[in-house]
Amino acid sequence: MTTAIAATNARSAELFHALSDEARLEIIRILLDGEHCVCDLQDHLDVAQSRLSYHLKVLKDAGVVTDRREGRWSYYTLNREAIVEAERLLAALRPASGRRLIASCC
């Protein structure tokens, strides 16, 4: 496997892992309308702060959200470019028209 393909696969796995949880998808949905304080996210999701922190860390590590500190509060914003990147990576996995999805070995 070439280095470029391995890097693309690693990035795809990172992004798709970040998008593979219902709570993280709900965080993304909330952030679609703009920046939110972590306390707002906690109220919307009705989850413990430690659980929310875990989900936000996964999203942040994958580059799906960014954060900024203002005093003792953290504010999160959706990185829309990461969503576009996920769409592009998923589209690259689409089979070419006419290609058989299941190859016969016999």
PDB file of N, CA and C in Angstrom:
ATOM      1  N   MET A   1       0.846  -1.173   0.000  1.00  0.00           N
ATOM      2  CA  MET A   1       0.000   0.000   0.000  1.00  0.00           C
ATOM      3  C   MET A   1       0.889   1.232   0.000  1.00  0.00           C
ATOM      4  N   THR A   2       0.591   2.170  -0.862  1.00  0.00           N
ATOM      5  CA  THR A   2       1.410   3.373  -0.926  1.00  0.00           C
ATOM      6  C   THR A   2       1.150   4.248   0.294  1.00  0.00           C
ATOM      7  N   THR A   3       2.099   5.121   0.545  1.00  0.00           N
ATOM      8  CA  THR A   3       1.993   6.020   1.693  1.00  0.00           C
ATOM      9  C   THR A   3       0.779   6.926   1.571  1.00  0.00           C
ATOM     10  N   ALA A   4       0.498   7.414   0.366  1.00  0.00           N
ATOM     11  CA  ALA A   4      -0.650   8.302   0.162  1.00  0.00           C
ATOM     12  C   ALA A   4      -1.964   7.575   0.444  1.00  0.00           C
ATOM     13  N   ILE A   5      -2.076   6.349  -0.005  1.00  0.00           N
ATOM     14  CA  ILE A   5      -3.302   5.573   0.236  1.00  0.00           C
ATOM     15  C   ILE A   5      -3.442   5.276   1.723  1.00  0.00           C
ATOM     16  N   ALA A   6      -2.338   4.925   2.366  1.00  0.00           N
ATOM     17  CA  ALA A   6      -2.370   4.651   3.807  1.00  0.00           C
ATOM     18  C   ALA A   6      -2.793   5.892   4.592  1.00  0.00           C
ATOM     19  N   ALA A   7      -2.287   7.051   4.184  1.00  0.00           N
ATOM     20  CA  ALA A   7      -2.655   8.298   4.861  1.00  0.00           C
ATOM     21  C   ALA A   7      -4.134   8.615   4.644  1.00  0.00           C
ATOM     22  N   THR A   8      -4.621   8.397   3.424  1.00  0.00           N
ATOM     23  CA  THR A   8      -6.031   8.630   3.135  1.00  0.00           C
ATOM     24  C   THR A   8      -6.910   7.682   3.947  1.00  0.00           C
ATOM     25  N   ASN A   9      -6.510   6.425   4.030  1.00  0.00           N
ATOM     26  CA  ASN A   9      -7.267   5.451   4.818  1.00  0.00           C
ATOM     27  C   ASN A   9      -7.277   5.831   6.292  1.00  0.00           C
ATOM     28  N   ALA A  10      -6.141   6.266   6.803  1.00  0.00           N
ATOM     29  CA  ALA A  10      -6.055   6.666   8.215  1.00  0.00           C
ATOM     30  C   ALA A  10      -6.946   7.871   8.487  1.00  0.00           C
ATOM     31  N   ARG A  11      -6.933   8.846   7.599  1.00  0.00           N
ATOM     32  CA  ARG A  11      -7.766  10.036   7.770  1.00  0.00           C
ATOM     33  C   ARG A  11      -9.244   9.671   7.674  1.00  0.00           C
ATOM     34  N   SER A  12      -9.582   8.803   6.720  1.00  0.00           N
ATOM     35  CA  SER A  12     -10.968   8.355   6.585  1.00  0.00           C
ATOM     36  C   SER A  12     -11.434   7.678   7.867  1.00  0.00           C
ATOM     37  N   ALA A  13     -10.624   6.797   8.402  1.00  0.00           N
ATOM     38  CA  ALA A  13     -10.989   6.087   9.633  1.00  0.00           C
ATOM     39  C   ALA A  13     -11.174   7.063  10.791  1.00  0.00           C
ATOM     40  N   GLU A  14     -10.293   8.052  10.889  1.00  0.00           N
ATOM     41  CA  GLU A  14     -10.398   9.047  11.956  1.00  0.00           C
ATOM     42  C   GLU A  14     -11.695   9.849  11.842  1.00  0.00           C
ATOM     43  N   LEU A  15     -11.970  10.342  10.661  1.00  0.00           N
ATOM     44  CA  LEU A  15     -13.186  11.132  10.455  1.00  0.00           C
ATOM     45  C   LEU A  15     -14.446  10.299  10.641  1.00  0.00           C
ATOM     46  N   PHE A  16     -14.475   9.106  10.055  1.00  0.00           N
ATOM     47  CA  PHE A  16     -15.684   8.292  10.131  1.00  0.00           C
ATOM     48  C   PHE A  16     -15.905   7.786  11.557  1.00  0.00           C
ATOM     49  N   HIS A  17     -14.837   7.557  12.301  1.00  0.00           N
ATOM     50  CA  HIS A  17     -14.985   7.195  13.723  1.00  0.00           C
ATOM     51  C   HIS A  17     -15.639   8.357  14.474  1.00  0.00           C
ATOM     52  N   ALA A  18     -15.174   9.569  14.210  1.00  0.00           N
ATOM     53  CA  ALA A  18     -15.739  10.740  14.888  1.00  0.00           C
ATOM     54  C   ALA A  18     -17.218  10.909  14.550  1.00  0.00           C
ATOM     55  N   LEU A  19     -17.625  10.491  13.363  1.00  0.00           N
ATOM     56  CA  LEU A  19     -19.005  10.645  12.920  1.00  0.00           C
ATOM     57  C   LEU A  19     -19.865   9.419  13.208  1.00  0.00           C
ATOM     58  N   SER A  20     -19.312   8.430  13.893  1.00  0.00           N
ATOM     59  CA  SER A  20     -20.009   7.151  14.048  1.00  0.00           C
ATOM     60  C   SER A  20     -20.776   7.007  15.357  1.00  0.00           C
ATOM     61  N   ASP A  21     -21.009   8.091  16.054  1.00  0.00           N
ATOM     62  CA  ASP A  21     -21.702   8.009  17.334  1.00  0.00           C
ATOM     63  C   ASP A  21     -22.891   8.965  17.323  1.00  0.00           C
ATOM     64  N   GLU A  22     -24.023   8.514  17.833  1.00  0.00           N
ATOM     65  CA  GLU A  22     -25.232   9.342  17.830  1.00  0.00           C
ATOM     66  C   GLU A  22     -25.050  10.636  18.606  1.00  0.00           C
ATOM     67  N   ALA A  23     -24.371  10.590  19.735  1.00  0.00           N
ATOM     68  CA  ALA A  23     -24.158  11.808  20.532  1.00  0.00           C
ATOM     69  C   ALA A  23     -23.292  12.798  19.767  1.00  0.00           C
ATOM     70  N   ARG A  24     -22.252  12.313  19.095  1.00  0.00           N
ATOM     71  CA  ARG A  24     -21.386  13.214  18.331  1.00  0.00           C
ATOM     72  C   ARG A  24     -22.135  13.795  17.135  1.00  0.00           C
ATOM     73  N   LEU A  25     -22.983  12.999  16.503  1.00  0.00           N
ATOM     74  CA  LEU A  25     -23.801  13.532  15.410  1.00  0.00           C
ATOM     75  C   LEU A  25     -24.764  14.591  15.925  1.00  0.00           C
ATOM     76  N   GLU A  26     -25.292  14.414  17.117  1.00  0.00           N
ATOM     77  CA  GLU A  26     -26.181  15.420  17.697  1.00  0.00           C
ATOM     78  C   GLU A  26     -25.409  16.697  18.013  1.00  0.00           C
ATOM     79  N   ILE A  27     -24.181  16.577  18.483  1.00  0.00           N
ATOM     80  CA  ILE A  27     -23.338  17.757  18.724  1.00  0.00           C
ATOM     81  C   ILE A  27     -23.141  18.517  17.415  1.00  0.00           C
ATOM     82  N   ILE A  28     -22.844  17.797  16.348  1.00  0.00           N
ATOM     83  CA  ILE A  28     -22.654  18.426  15.038  1.00  0.00           C
ATOM     84  C   ILE A  28     -23.933  19.124  14.611  1.00  0.00           C
ATOM     85  N   ARG A  29     -25.076  18.469  14.789  1.00  0.00           N
ATOM     86  CA  ARG A  29     -26.354  19.069  14.411  1.00  0.00           C
ATOM     87  C   ARG A  29     -26.579  20.375  15.172  1.00  0.00           C
ATOM     88  N   ILE A  30     -26.271  20.388  16.458  1.00  0.00           N
ATOM     89  CA  ILE A  30     -26.438  21.592  17.271  1.00  0.00           C
ATOM     90  C   ILE A  30     -25.512  22.703  16.772  1.00  0.00           C
ATOM     91  N   LEU A  31     -24.284  22.331  16.418  1.00  0.00           N
ATOM     92  CA  LEU A  31     -23.304  23.327  15.996  1.00  0.00           C
ATOM     93  C   LEU A  31     -23.542  23.849  14.580  1.00  0.00           C
ATOM     94  N   LEU A  32     -24.460  23.245  13.852  1.00  0.00           N
ATOM     95  CA  LEU A  32     -24.762  23.723  12.501  1.00  0.00           C
ATOM     96  C   LEU A  32     -25.252  25.169  12.507  1.00  0.00           C
ATOM     97  N   ASP A  33     -25.881  25.584  13.604  1.00  0.00           N
ATOM     98  CA  ASP A  33     -26.386  26.969  13.639  1.00  0.00           C
ATOM     99  C   ASP A  33     -25.398  27.937  14.270  1.00  0.00           C
ATOM    100  N   GLY A  34     -24.179  27.483  14.534  1.00  0.00           N
ATOM    101  CA  GLY A  34     -23.150  28.388  15.036  1.00  0.00           C
ATOM    102  C   GLY A  34     -22.515  27.912  16.333  1.00  0.00           C
ATOM    103  N   GLU A  35     -21.686  28.777  16.865  1.00  0.00           N
ATOM    104  CA  GLU A  35     -20.898  28.487  18.062  1.00  0.00           C
ATOM    105  C   GLU A  35     -21.801  28.285  19.289  1.00  0.00           C
ATOM    106  N   HIS A  36     -21.400  27.323  20.126  1.00  0.00           N
ATOM    107  CA  HIS A  36     -22.121  27.061  21.371  1.00  0.00           C
ATOM    108  C   HIS A  36     -21.139  26.845  22.508  1.00  0.00           C
ATOM    109  N   CYS A  37     -21.533  27.330  23.670  1.00  0.00           N
ATOM    110  CA  CYS A  37     -20.784  27.099  24.898  1.00  0.00           C
ATOM    111  C   CYS A  37     -20.972  25.636  25.300  1.00  0.00           C
ATOM    112  N   VAL A  38     -19.967  25.098  25.950  1.00  0.00           N
ATOM    113  CA  VAL A  38     -20.049  23.703  26.380  1.00  0.00           C
ATOM    114  C   VAL A  38     -21.241  23.490  27.312  1.00  0.00           C
ATOM    115  N   CYS A  39     -21.576  24.486  28.102  1.00  0.00           N
ATOM    116  CA  CYS A  39     -22.733  24.334  29.000  1.00  0.00           C
ATOM    117  C   CYS A  39     -24.031  24.231  28.207  1.00  0.00           C
ATOM    118  N   ASP A  40     -24.142  24.940  27.072  1.00  0.00           N
ATOM    119  CA  ASP A  40     -25.317  24.815  26.204  1.00  0.00           C
ATOM    120  C   ASP A  40     -25.408  23.414  25.618  1.00  0.00           C
ATOM    121  N   LEU A  41     -24.269  22.899  25.177  1.00  0.00           N
ATOM    122  CA  LEU A  41     -24.249  21.543  24.621  1.00  0.00           C
ATOM    123  C   LEU A  41     -24.672  20.528  25.669  1.00  0.00           C
ATOM    124  N   GLN A  42     -24.197  20.718  26.889  1.00  0.00           N
ATOM    125  CA  GLN A  42     -24.544  19.797  27.965  1.00  0.00           C
ATOM    126  C   GLN A  42     -26.047  19.835  28.235  1.00  0.00           C
ATOM    127  N   ASP A  43     -26.620  21.015  28.230  1.00  0.00           N
ATOM    128  CA  ASP A  43     -28.068  21.143  28.436  1.00  0.00           C
ATOM    129  C   ASP A  43     -28.859  20.484  27.303  1.00  0.00           C
ATOM    130  N   HIS A  44     -28.427  20.703  26.067  1.00  0.00           N
ATOM    131  CA  HIS A  44     -29.126  20.111  24.910  1.00  0.00           C
ATOM    132  C   HIS A  44     -29.078  18.588  24.938  1.00  0.00           C
ATOM    133  N   LEU A  45     -27.922  18.057  25.297  1.00  0.00           N
ATOM    134  CA  LEU A  45     -27.724  16.610  25.223  1.00  0.00           C
ATOM    135  C   LEU A  45     -28.128  15.878  26.496  1.00  0.00           C
ATOM    136  N   ASP A  46     -28.228  16.607  27.599  1.00  0.00           N
ATOM    137  CA  ASP A  46     -28.570  16.002  28.882  1.00  0.00           C
ATOM    138  C   ASP A  46     -27.627  14.828  29.204  1.00  0.00           C
ATOM    139  N   VAL A  47     -26.313  15.110  29.121  1.00  0.00           N
ATOM    140  CA  VAL A  47     -25.296  14.106  29.440  1.00  0.00           C
ATOM    141  C   VAL A  47     -24.363  14.666  30.500  1.00  0.00           C
ATOM    142  N   ALA A  48     -23.662  13.769  31.148  1.00  0.00           N
ATOM    143  CA  ALA A  48     -22.682  14.178  32.147  1.00  0.00           C
ATOM    144  C   ALA A  48     -21.545  14.936  31.466  1.00  0.00           C
ATOM    145  N   GLN A  49     -20.950  15.866  32.201  1.00  0.00           N
ATOM    146  CA  GLN A  49     -19.869  16.688  31.656  1.00  0.00           C
ATOM    147  C   GLN A  49     -18.715  15.814  31.176  1.00  0.00           C
ATOM    148  N   SER A  50     -18.384  14.760  31.895  1.00  0.00           N
ATOM    149  CA  SER A  50     -17.262  13.906  31.496  1.00  0.00           C
ATOM    150  C   SER A  50     -17.553  13.201  30.175  1.00  0.00           C
ATOM    151  N   ARG A  51     -18.782  12.772  29.972  1.00  0.00           N
ATOM    152  CA  ARG A  51     -19.158  12.101  28.724  1.00  0.00           C
ATOM    153  C   ARG A  51     -19.123  13.086  27.551  1.00  0.00           C
ATOM    154  N   LEU A  52     -19.634  14.291  27.776  1.00  0.00           N
ATOM    155  CA  LEU A  52     -19.600  15.321  26.742  1.00  0.00           C
ATOM    156  C   LEU A  52     -18.163  15.679  26.388  1.00  0.00           C
ATOM    157  N   SER A  53     -17.310  15.798  27.386  1.00  0.00           N
ATOM    158  CA  SER A  53     -15.897  16.116  27.146  1.00  0.00           C
ATOM    159  C   SER A  53     -15.238  15.063  26.269  1.00  0.00           C
ATOM    160  N   TYR A  54     -15.560  13.803  26.528  1.00  0.00           N
ATOM    161  CA  TYR A  54     -15.007  12.721  25.713  1.00  0.00           C
ATOM    162  C   TYR A  54     -15.427  12.887  24.251  1.00  0.00           C
ATOM    163  N   HIS A  55     -16.726  13.101  24.024  1.00  0.00           N
ATOM    164  CA  HIS A  55     -17.219  13.238  22.647  1.00  0.00           C
ATOM    165  C   HIS A  55     -16.614  14.464  21.963  1.00  0.00           C
ATOM    166  N   LEU A  56     -16.509  15.565  22.676  1.00  0.00           N
ATOM    167  CA  LEU A  56     -15.909  16.769  22.102  1.00  0.00           C
ATOM    168  C   LEU A  56     -14.436  16.552  21.773  1.00  0.00           C
ATOM    169  N   LYS A  57     -13.730  15.792  22.602  1.00  0.00           N
ATOM    170  CA  LYS A  57     -12.318  15.495  22.330  1.00  0.00           C
ATOM    171  C   LYS A  57     -12.178  14.676  21.047  1.00  0.00           C
ATOM    172  N   VAL A  58     -13.042  13.675  20.874  1.00  0.00           N
ATOM    173  CA  VAL A  58     -13.000  12.864  19.648  1.00  0.00           C
ATOM    174  C   VAL A  58     -13.242  13.748  18.430  1.00  0.00           C
ATOM    175  N   LEU A  59     -14.251  14.610  18.506  1.00  0.00           N
ATOM    176  CA  LEU A  59     -14.554  15.504  17.387  1.00  0.00           C
ATOM    177  C   LEU A  59     -13.426  16.501  17.144  1.00  0.00           C
ATOM    178  N   LYS A  60     -12.861  17.016  18.209  1.00  0.00           N
ATOM    179  CA  LYS A  60     -11.766  17.986  18.075  1.00  0.00           C
ATOM    180  C   LYS A  60     -10.512  17.320  17.506  1.00  0.00           C
ATOM    181  N   ASP A  61     -10.165  16.132  18.007  1.00  0.00           N
ATOM    182  CA  ASP A  61      -8.985  15.417  17.505  1.00  0.00           C
ATOM    183  C   ASP A  61      -9.099  15.100  16.017  1.00  0.00           C
ATOM    184  N   ALA A  62     -10.321  14.872  15.561  1.00  0.00           N
ATOM    185  CA  ALA A  62     -10.548  14.580  14.141  1.00  0.00           C
ATOM    186  C   ALA A  62     -10.663  15.852  13.308  1.00  0.00           C
ATOM    187  N   GLY A  63     -10.656  17.004  13.971  1.00  0.00           N
ATOM    188  CA  GLY A  63     -10.746  18.266  13.254  1.00  0.00           C
ATOM    189  C   GLY A  63     -12.154  18.651  12.861  1.00  0.00           C
ATOM    190  N   VAL A  64     -13.150  17.979  13.428  1.00  0.00           N
ATOM    191  CA  VAL A  64     -14.536  18.257  13.072  1.00  0.00           C
ATOM    192  C   VAL A  64     -15.042  19.504  13.793  1.00  0.00           C
ATOM    193  N   VAL A  65     -14.543  19.754  14.982  1.00  0.00           N
ATOM    194  CA  VAL A  65     -14.900  20.971  15.718  1.00  0.00           C
ATOM    195  C   VAL A  65     -13.633  21.681  16.169  1.00  0.00           C
ATOM    196  N   THR A  66     -13.773  22.961  16.406  1.00  0.00           N
ATOM    197  CA  THR A  66     -12.699  23.753  17.003  1.00  0.00           C
ATOM    198  C   THR A  66     -13.264  24.379  18.269  1.00  0.00           C
ATOM    199  N   ASP A  67     -12.363  24.765  19.151  1.00  0.00           N
ATOM    200  CA  ASP A  67     -12.818  25.397  20.384  1.00  0.00           C
ATOM    201  C   ASP A  67     -12.002  26.638  20.671  1.00  0.00           C
ATOM    202  N   ARG A  68     -12.572  27.466  21.507  1.00  0.00           N
ATOM    203  CA  ARG A  68     -11.856  28.636  22.001  1.00  0.00           C
ATOM    204  C   ARG A  68     -12.261  28.830  23.449  1.00  0.00           C
ATOM    205  N   ARG A  69     -11.330  29.360  24.216  1.00  0.00           N
ATOM    206  CA  ARG A  69     -11.576  29.620  25.632  1.00  0.00           C
ATOM    207  C   ARG A  69     -11.883  31.100  25.809  1.00  0.00           C
ATOM    208  N   GLU A  70     -12.854  31.359  26.651  1.00  0.00           N
ATOM    209  CA  GLU A  70     -13.153  32.731  27.046  1.00  0.00           C
ATOM    210  C   GLU A  70     -13.412  32.674  28.546  1.00  0.00           C
ATOM    211  N   GLY A  71     -12.411  33.099  29.302  1.00  0.00           N
ATOM    212  CA  GLY A  71     -12.503  32.968  30.748  1.00  0.00           C
ATOM    213  C   GLY A  71     -12.505  31.498  31.122  1.00  0.00           C
ATOM    214  N   ARG A  72     -13.500  31.109  31.867  1.00  0.00           N
ATOM    215  CA  ARG A  72     -13.566  29.696  32.275  1.00  0.00           C
ATOM    216  C   ARG A  72     -14.439  28.860  31.354  1.00  0.00           C
ATOM    217  N   TRP A  73     -14.977  29.459  30.298  1.00  0.00           N
ATOM    218  CA  TRP A  73     -15.882  28.758  29.392  1.00  0.00           C
ATOM    219  C   TRP A  73     -15.174  28.364  28.100  1.00  0.00           C
ATOM    220  N   SER A  74     -15.607  27.251  27.556  1.00  0.00           N
ATOM    221  CA  SER A  74     -15.139  26.802  26.244  1.00  0.00           C
ATOM    222  C   SER A  74     -16.301  26.891  25.268  1.00  0.00           C
ATOM    223  N   TYR A  75     -15.999  27.402  24.080  1.00  0.00           N
ATOM    224  CA  TYR A  75     -16.992  27.542  23.024  1.00  0.00           C
ATOM    225  C   TYR A  75     -16.556  26.680  21.838  1.00  0.00           C
ATOM    226  N   TYR A  76     -17.505  25.965  21.267  1.00  0.00           N
ATOM    227  CA  TYR A  76     -17.214  25.048  20.171  1.00  0.00           C
ATOM    228  C   TYR A  76     -17.903  25.497  18.893  1.00  0.00           C
ATOM    229  N   THR A  77     -17.185  25.294  17.784  1.00  0.00           N
ATOM    230  CA  THR A  77     -17.670  25.654  16.461  1.00  0.00           C
ATOM    231  C   THR A  77     -17.417  24.478  15.525  1.00  0.00           C
ATOM    232  N   LEU A  78     -18.350  24.257  14.627  1.00  0.00           N
ATOM    233  CA  LEU A  78     -18.205  23.208  13.622  1.00  0.00           C
ATOM    234  C   LEU A  78     -17.194  23.639  12.567  1.00  0.00           C
ATOM    235  N   ASN A  79     -16.277  22.743  12.227  1.00  0.00           N
ATOM    236  CA  ASN A  79     -15.340  22.970  11.133  1.00  0.00           C
ATOM    237  C   ASN A  79     -15.976  22.386   9.879  1.00  0.00           C
ATOM    238  N   ARG A  80     -16.647  23.226   9.133  1.00  0.00           N
ATOM    239  CA  ARG A  80     -17.406  22.768   7.963  1.00  0.00           C
ATOM    240  C   ARG A  80     -16.514  22.124   6.903  1.00  0.00           C
ATOM    241  N   GLU A  81     -15.253  22.528   6.848  1.00  0.00           N
ATOM    242  CA  GLU A  81     -14.330  21.921   5.880  1.00  0.00           C
ATOM    243  C   GLU A  81     -14.138  20.436   6.168  1.00  0.00           C
ATOM    244  N   ALA A  82     -14.187  20.045   7.433  1.00  0.00           N
ATOM    245  CA  ALA A  82     -14.037  18.629   7.788  1.00  0.00           C
ATOM    246  C   ALA A  82     -15.227  17.820   7.290  1.00  0.00           C
ATOM    247  N   ILE A  83     -16.415  18.407   7.303  1.00  0.00           N
ATOM    248  CA  ILE A  83     -17.597  17.724   6.791  1.00  0.00           C
ATOM    249  C   ILE A  83     -17.491  17.564   5.280  1.00  0.00           C
ATOM    250  N   VAL A  84     -17.024  18.591   4.607  1.00  0.00           N
ATOM    251  CA  VAL A  84     -16.808  18.510   3.157  1.00  0.00           C
ATOM    252  C   VAL A  84     -15.749  17.447   2.849  1.00  0.00           C
ATOM    253  N   GLU A  85     -14.699  17.411   3.668  1.00  0.00           N
ATOM    254  CA  GLU A  85     -13.652  16.399   3.484  1.00  0.00           C
ATOM    255  C   GLU A  85     -14.227  14.993   3.653  1.00  0.00           C
ATOM    256  N   ALA A  86     -15.084  14.791   4.646  1.00  0.00           N
ATOM    257  CA  ALA A  86     -15.699  13.478   4.860  1.00  0.00           C
ATOM    258  C   ALA A  86     -16.552  13.079   3.661  1.00  0.00           C
ATOM    259  N   GLU A  87     -17.282  14.034   3.105  1.00  0.00           N
ATOM    260  CA  GLU A  87     -18.075  13.764   1.897  1.00  0.00           C
ATOM    261  C   GLU A  87     -17.176  13.342   0.737  1.00  0.00           C
ATOM    262  N   ARG A  88     -16.055  14.038   0.592  1.00  0.00           N
ATOM    263  CA  ARG A  88     -15.122  13.717  -0.499  1.00  0.00           C
ATOM    264  C   ARG A  88     -14.515  12.326  -0.302  1.00  0.00           C
ATOM    265  N   LEU A  89     -14.124  12.011   0.926  1.00  0.00           N
ATOM    266  CA  LEU A  89     -13.537  10.699   1.206  1.00  0.00           C
ATOM    267  C   LEU A  89     -14.550   9.584   0.987  1.00  0.00           C
ATOM    268  N   LEU A  90     -15.791   9.821   1.367  1.00  0.00           N
ATOM    269  CA  LEU A  90     -16.834   8.820   1.159  1.00  0.00           C
ATOM    270  C   LEU A  90     -17.121   8.651  -0.325  1.00  0.00           C
ATOM    271  N   ALA A  91     -17.140   9.754  -1.064  1.00  0.00           N
ATOM    272  CA  ALA A  91     -17.379   9.676  -2.507  1.00  0.00           C
ATOM    273  C   ALA A  91     -16.277   8.880  -3.208  1.00  0.00           C
ATOM    274  N   ALA A  92     -15.065   8.947  -2.686  1.00  0.00           N
ATOM    275  CA  ALA A  92     -13.957   8.200  -3.282  1.00  0.00           C
ATOM    276  C   ALA A  92     -14.136   6.694  -3.120  1.00  0.00           C
ATOM    277  N   LEU A  93     -14.996   6.292  -2.207  1.00  0.00           N
ATOM    278  CA  LEU A  93     -15.250   4.866  -1.997  1.00  0.00           C
ATOM    279  C   LEU A  93     -16.416   4.348  -2.834  1.00  0.00           C
ATOM    280  N   ARG A  94     -17.073   5.246  -3.550  1.00  0.00           N
ATOM    281  CA  ARG A  94     -18.206   4.856  -4.380  1.00  0.00           C
ATOM    282  C   ARG A  94     -17.695   4.007  -5.538  1.00  0.00           C
ATOM    283  N   PRO A  95     -18.338   2.869  -5.779  1.00  0.00           N
ATOM    284  CA  PRO A  95     -17.911   2.035  -6.909  1.00  0.00           C
ATOM    285  C   PRO A  95     -18.150   2.747  -8.234  1.00  0.00           C
ATOM    286  N   ALA A  96     -17.255   2.520  -9.161  1.00  0.00           N
ATOM    287  CA  ALA A  96     -17.438   3.071 -10.506  1.00  0.00           C
ATOM    288  C   ALA A  96     -18.642   2.388 -11.139  1.00  0.00           C
ATOM    289  N   SER A  97     -19.370   3.120 -11.960  1.00  0.00           N
ATOM    290  CA  SER A  97     -20.556   2.515 -12.595  1.00  0.00           C
ATOM    291  C   SER A  97     -20.112   1.350 -13.468  1.00  0.00           C
ATOM    292  N   GLY A  98     -20.886   0.312 -13.430  1.00  0.00           N
ATOM    293  CA  GLY A  98     -20.575  -0.864 -14.231  1.00  0.00           C
ATOM    294  C   GLY A  98     -19.666  -1.854 -13.520  1.00  0.00           C
ATOM    295  N   ARG A  99     -19.013  -1.436 -12.434  1.00  0.00           N
ATOM    296  CA  ARG A  99     -18.129  -2.342 -11.709  1.00  0.00           C
ATOM    297  C   ARG A  99     -18.988  -3.246 -10.813  1.00  0.00           C
ATOM    298  N   ARG A 100     -18.669  -4.533 -10.830  1.00  0.00           N
ATOM    299  CA  ARG A 100     -19.377  -5.472  -9.970  1.00  0.00           C
ATOM    300  C   ARG A 100     -18.911  -5.286  -8.546  1.00  0.00           C
ATOM    301  N   LEU A 101     -19.854  -5.245  -7.618  1.00  0.00           N
ATOM    302  CA  LEU A 101     -19.494  -5.090  -6.203  1.00  0.00           C
ATOM    303  C   LEU A 101     -18.995  -6.404  -5.616  1.00  0.00           C
ATOM    304  N   ILE A 102     -19.544  -7.521  -6.054  1.00  0.00           N
ATOM    305  CA  ILE A 102     -19.127  -8.818  -5.518  1.00  0.00           C
ATOM    306  C   ILE A 102     -18.434  -9.575  -6.643  1.00  0.00           C
ATOM    307  N   ALA A 103     -17.170  -9.822  -6.455  1.00  0.00           N
ATOM    308  CA  ALA A 103     -16.406 -10.546  -7.459  1.00  0.00           C
ATOM    309  C   ALA A 103     -16.503 -12.046  -7.177  1.00  0.00           C
ATOM    310  N   SER A 104     -16.645 -12.777  -8.191  1.00  0.00           N
ATOM    311  CA  SER A 104     -16.703 -14.231  -8.047  1.00  0.00           C
ATOM    312  C   SER A 104     -15.278 -14.771  -8.050  1.00  0.00           C
ATOM    313  N   CYS A 105     -15.018 -15.668  -7.131  1.00  0.00           N
ATOM    314  CA  CYS A 105     -13.662 -16.228  -7.062  1.00  0.00           C
ATOM    315  C   CYS A 105     -13.552 -17.516  -7.850  1.00  0.00           C
ATOM    316  N   CYS A 106     -14.638 -18.055  -8.334  1.00  0.00           N
ATOM    317  CA  CYS A 106     -14.603 -19.337  -9.041  1.00  0.00           C
ATOM    318  C   CYS A 106     -15.060 -19.185 -10.470  1.00  0.00           C
TER     319      CYS A 106
END
